C-alpha atoms as a PDB file:
ATOM      1  CA  MET A   1     251.916 135.239 -78.311  1.00  0.00           C
ATOM      2  CA  LEU A   2     248.693 133.853 -76.760  1.00  0.00           C
ATOM      3  CA  ASN A   3     248.629 130.829 -74.465  1.00  0.00           C
ATOM      4  CA  ASP A   4     246.307 127.851 -75.012  1.00  0.00           C
ATOM      5  CA  GLU A   5     243.593 129.254 -72.748  1.00  0.00           C
ATOM      6  CA  GLN A   6     243.662 132.601 -74.569  1.00  0.00           C
ATOM      7  CA  LEU A   7     243.578 130.880 -77.965  1.00  0.00           C
ATOM      8  CA  LYS A   8     240.450 128.982 -76.903  1.00  0.00           C
ATOM      9  CA  GLU A   9     238.873 132.238 -75.673  1.00  0.00           C
ATOM     10  CA  LEU A  10     239.715 133.879 -79.001  1.00  0.00           C
ATOM     11  CA  GLU A  11     238.198 130.939 -80.907  1.00  0.00           C
ATOM     12  CA  ASP A  12     235.016 131.151 -78.832  1.00  0.00           C
ATOM     13  CA  MET A  13     234.648 134.899 -79.403  1.00  0.00           C
ATOM     14  CA  ALA A  14     235.447 134.588 -83.109  1.00  0.00           C
ATOM     15  CA  SER A  15     232.649 132.019 -83.391  1.00  0.00           C
ATOM     16  CA  THR A  16     230.200 134.935 -82.976  1.00  0.00           C
ATOM     17  CA  PHE A  17     231.634 136.568 -86.134  1.00  0.00           C
ATOM     18  CA  MET A  18     232.798 139.586 -84.156  1.00  0.00           C
ATOM     19  CA  ASP A  19     234.984 141.818 -86.329  1.00  0.00           C
ATOM     20  CA  LEU A  20     238.762 141.528 -85.999  1.00  0.00           C
ATOM     21  CA  SER A  21     239.194 145.030 -84.559  1.00  0.00           C
ATOM     22  CA  SER A  22     236.787 144.259 -81.711  1.00  0.00           C
ATOM     23  CA  LEU A  23     238.503 140.942 -81.026  1.00  0.00           C
ATOM     24  CA  GLU A  24     241.851 142.743 -80.878  1.00  0.00           C
ATOM     25  CA  ILE A  25     240.494 145.243 -78.363  1.00  0.00           C
ATOM     26  CA  ILE A  26     239.001 142.533 -76.155  1.00  0.00           C
ATOM     27  CA  MET A  27     242.162 140.419 -76.291  1.00  0.00           C
ATOM     28  CA  SER A  28     244.499 143.440 -75.885  1.00  0.00           C
ATOM     29  CA  LEU A  29     246.200 142.756 -79.206  1.00  0.00           C
ATOM     30  CA  PRO A  30     247.789 145.384 -81.447  1.00  0.00           C
ATOM     31  CA  GLU A  31     245.746 146.818 -84.309  1.00  0.00           C
ATOM     32  CA  GLY A  32     246.041 144.657 -87.421  1.00  0.00           C
ATOM     33  CA  PHE A  33     247.471 141.727 -85.489  1.00  0.00           C
ATOM     34  CA  LEU A  34     244.674 139.285 -86.292  1.00  0.00           C
ATOM     35  CA  ALA A  35     244.506 140.090 -90.010  1.00  0.00           C
ATOM     36  CA  ASP A  36     248.234 139.389 -90.176  1.00  0.00           C
ATOM     37  CA  ALA A  37     247.813 136.254 -88.046  1.00  0.00           C
ATOM     38  CA  ILE A  38     245.141 134.918 -90.396  1.00  0.00           C
ATOM     39  CA  TYR A  39     247.313 135.638 -93.433  1.00  0.00           C
ATOM     40  CA  LYS A  40     250.312 133.895 -91.827  1.00  0.00           C
ATOM     41  CA  LYS A  41     248.135 131.061 -90.431  1.00  0.00           C
ATOM     42  CA  SER A  42     249.663 131.556 -86.999  1.00  0.00           C
ATOM     43  CA  PRO A  43     247.988 129.928 -83.966  1.00  0.00           C
ATOM     44  CA  GLU A  44     245.987 133.122 -83.344  1.00  0.00           C
ATOM     45  CA  GLY A  45     244.802 133.259 -86.943  1.00  0.00           C
ATOM     46  CA  ILE A  46     243.871 129.583 -86.918  1.00  0.00           C
ATOM     47  CA  SER A  47     241.860 130.160 -83.716  1.00  0.00           C
ATOM     48  CA  VAL A  48     239.853 132.920 -85.406  1.00  0.00           C
ATOM     49  CA  LEU A  49     239.250 130.788 -88.500  1.00  0.00           C
ATOM     50  CA  LYS A  50     238.318 127.704 -86.450  1.00  0.00           C
ATOM     51  CA  GLY A  51     235.790 129.651 -84.417  1.00  0.00           C
ATOM     52  CA  ARG A  52     234.132 131.117 -87.478  1.00  0.00           C
ATOM     53  CA  LEU A  53     234.184 127.876 -89.472  1.00  0.00           C
ATOM     54  CA  LYS A  54     232.740 125.824 -86.609  1.00  0.00           C
ATOM     55  CA  THR A  55     229.795 128.217 -86.334  1.00  0.00           C
ATOM     56  CA  GLU A  56     229.314 128.217 -90.096  1.00  0.00           C
ATOM     57  CA  ALA A  57     229.287 124.405 -90.041  1.00  0.00           C
ATOM     58  CA  ARG A  58     226.675 124.353 -87.262  1.00  0.00           C
ATOM     59  CA  ILE A  59     224.482 126.785 -89.198  1.00  0.00           C
ATOM     60  CA  ARG A  60     224.836 124.776 -92.405  1.00  0.00           C
ATOM     61  CA  LYS A  61     223.928 121.608 -90.497  1.00  0.00           C
ATOM     62  CA  CYS A  62     220.743 123.271 -89.220  1.00  0.00           C
ATOM     63  CA  VAL A  63     219.851 124.404 -92.750  1.00  0.00           C
ATOM     64  CA  ILE A  64     220.417 120.895 -94.138  1.00  0.00           C
ATOM     65  CA  ASP A  65     218.293 119.367 -91.353  1.00  0.00           C
ATOM     66  CA  LEU A  66     215.489 121.831 -92.120  1.00  0.00           C
ATOM     67  CA  ALA A  67     215.799 121.133 -95.851  1.00  0.00           C
ATOM     68  CA  ILE A  68     215.485 117.406 -95.278  1.00  0.00           C
ATOM     69  CA  ALA A  69     212.434 118.086 -93.113  1.00  0.00           C
ATOM     70  CA  GLY A  70     210.789 119.886 -96.048  1.00  0.00           C
ATOM     71  CA  SER A  71     211.483 123.599 -95.534  1.00  0.00           C
ATOM     72  CA  ALA A  72     211.420 125.197 -98.986  1.00  0.00           C
ATOM     73  CA  PRO A  73     213.677 128.163 -98.006  1.00  0.00           C
ATOM     74  CA  ALA A  74     216.158 125.766 -96.415  1.00  0.00           C
ATOM     75  CA  GLN A  75     216.057 123.534 -99.498  1.00  0.00           C
ATOM     76  CA  ALA A  76     216.986 126.527-101.664  1.00  0.00           C
ATOM     77  CA  MET A  77     219.907 127.318 -99.372  1.00  0.00           C
ATOM     78  CA  ALA A  78     220.973 123.669 -99.330  1.00  0.00           C
ATOM     79  CA  VAL A  79     221.033 123.558-103.133  1.00  0.00           C
ATOM     80  CA  LYS A  80     223.209 126.697-103.057  1.00  0.00           C
ATOM     81  CA  TYR A  81     225.604 125.028-100.581  1.00  0.00           C
ATOM     82  CA  ILE A  82     225.773 121.936-102.791  1.00  0.00           C
ATOM     83  CA  ASP A  83     226.452 123.968-105.931  1.00  0.00           C
ATOM     84  CA  GLU A  84     229.147 126.012-104.164  1.00  0.00           C
ATOM     85  CA  ALA A  85     230.840 122.825-102.957  1.00  0.00           C
ATOM     86  CA  LYS A  86     230.775 121.289-106.433  1.00  0.00           C
ATOM     87  CA  ILE A  87     232.257 124.423-107.997  1.00  0.00           C
ATOM     88  CA  ALA A  88     234.970 124.634-105.337  1.00  0.00           C
ATOM     89  CA  GLU A  89     235.853 120.976-105.791  1.00  0.00           C
ATOM     90  CA  LEU A  90     235.975 121.224-109.569  1.00  0.00           C
ATOM     91  CA  SER A  91     238.122 124.332-109.495  1.00  0.00           C
ATOM     92  CA  SER A  92     240.670 122.598-107.253  1.00  0.00           C
ATOM     93  CA  TYR A  93     241.592 120.111-109.988  1.00  0.00           C
END
């Protein structure tokens, strides 16, 4: 439904964690379209997920860098990230 330029725009906006309803309004998409697109893993849904995941990865990278530099709050968050990753990996077996 969306062309490559629009998919990139959607990914960029989704990277701000804007809610799906607002993204649909901005992109002139029908109500519920993006929730369905995410469920079906259509190009539009993948664009939303990519935008959000890329921002999450950048934030996690900043937290890890701060933890390595000695920030106690960041170290606590980093340990949480590590534990979550271990649990997710173990549960996938």
